[in-house]
Amino acid sequence: MIGQGVVLMLAGMGIVYVFLSVLIIVTKTSMKGIVRFNGILPQEAPKKKPAACASGDDDANIALAIAVAMG
């Protein structure tokens, strides 16, 4: 019974090891392929950051948040 458990454990660990090795190989080769074809699609333009709100609005927003939290 113990021998069968050890065999099953070794088989399971071997399958996991082979799967992870194949996963690493496929990931590395796909990265090389992606780099090769990276110039086909144009890059998206960086999005502009929203303008900072005025400091007078901060006090009103804080008061509103406190009122909402209290009520």
Protein backbone atom coordinates (compact mmCIF):
# COMPACT_ATOMS: atom_id res chain seq x y z
CA MET A 1 0.00 0.00 0.00
CA ILE A 2 2.82 2.41 0.89
CA GLY A 3 4.67 1.43 -2.30
CA GLN A 4 1.65 2.28 -4.44
CA GLY A 5 1.37 5.64 -2.70
CA VAL A 6 5.02 6.42 -3.40
CA VAL A 7 4.65 5.43 -7.05
CA LEU A 8 1.54 7.59 -7.37
CA MET A 9 3.32 10.51 -5.69
CA LEU A 10 6.34 10.24 -7.98
CA ALA A 11 4.13 9.96 -11.07
CA GLY A 12 2.13 13.04 -10.04
CA MET A 13 5.26 15.07 -9.30
CA GLY A 14 6.76 14.00 -12.63
CA ILE A 15 3.67 15.06 -14.53
CA VAL A 16 3.67 18.45 -12.79
CA TYR A 17 7.40 18.91 -13.51
CA VAL A 18 6.94 18.08 -17.20
CA PHE A 19 3.91 20.38 -17.47
CA LEU A 20 5.75 23.31 -15.88
CA SER A 21 8.77 22.74 -18.11
CA VAL A 22 6.58 22.75 -21.23
CA LEU A 23 4.81 25.87 -19.96
CA ILE A 24 8.12 27.71 -19.53
CA ILE A 25 9.31 26.69 -22.99
CA VAL A 26 6.04 27.76 -24.66
CA THR A 27 6.06 31.08 -22.79
CA LYS A 28 9.63 31.89 -23.82
CA THR A 29 9.03 31.02 -27.47
CA SER A 30 5.80 33.02 -27.60
CA MET A 31 7.61 36.03 -26.13
CA LYS A 32 10.13 35.84 -28.96
CA GLY A 33 7.30 35.68 -31.49
CA ILE A 34 5.50 38.63 -29.95
CA VAL A 35 8.67 40.75 -30.08
CA ARG A 36 9.11 39.86 -33.76
CA PHE A 37 5.60 41.02 -34.70
CA ASN A 38 5.40 43.94 -32.26
CA GLY A 39 5.83 46.56 -35.02
CA ILE A 40 2.69 45.51 -36.90
CA LEU A 41 0.18 47.10 -34.54
CA PRO A 42 0.65 50.76 -33.57
CA GLN A 43 1.13 51.65 -29.93
CA GLU A 44 -1.72 53.46 -28.18
CA ALA A 45 -1.08 57.08 -27.31
CA PRO A 46 -0.65 57.65 -23.57
CA LYS A 47 -3.78 58.97 -21.96
CA LYS A 48 -3.66 62.44 -20.49
CA LYS A 49 -3.95 62.75 -16.75
CA PRO A 50 -7.01 64.62 -15.50
CA ALA A 51 -6.37 68.15 -14.35
CA ALA A 52 -6.01 68.62 -10.61
CA CYS A 53 -9.09 70.13 -8.98
CA ALA A 54 -8.87 73.46 -7.20
CA SER A 55 -8.09 73.47 -3.48
CA GLY A 56 -11.37 75.28 -2.71
CA ASP A 57 -13.28 72.27 -4.02
CA ASP A 58 -11.35 69.99 -1.68
CA ASP A 59 -12.93 71.55 1.40
CA ALA A 60 -16.41 71.15 -0.07
CA ASN A 61 -15.70 67.55 -1.05
CA ILE A 62 -14.36 66.74 2.43
CA ALA A 63 -17.45 68.30 4.05
CA LEU A 64 -19.69 66.33 1.72
CA ALA A 65 -17.85 63.07 2.49
CA ILE A 66 -18.16 63.68 6.23
CA ALA A 67 -21.87 64.47 5.88
CA VAL A 68 -22.46 61.29 3.87
CA ALA A 69 -20.50 59.20 6.37
CA MET A 70 -22.43 60.63 9.34
CA GLY A 71 -25.86 60.25 7.78
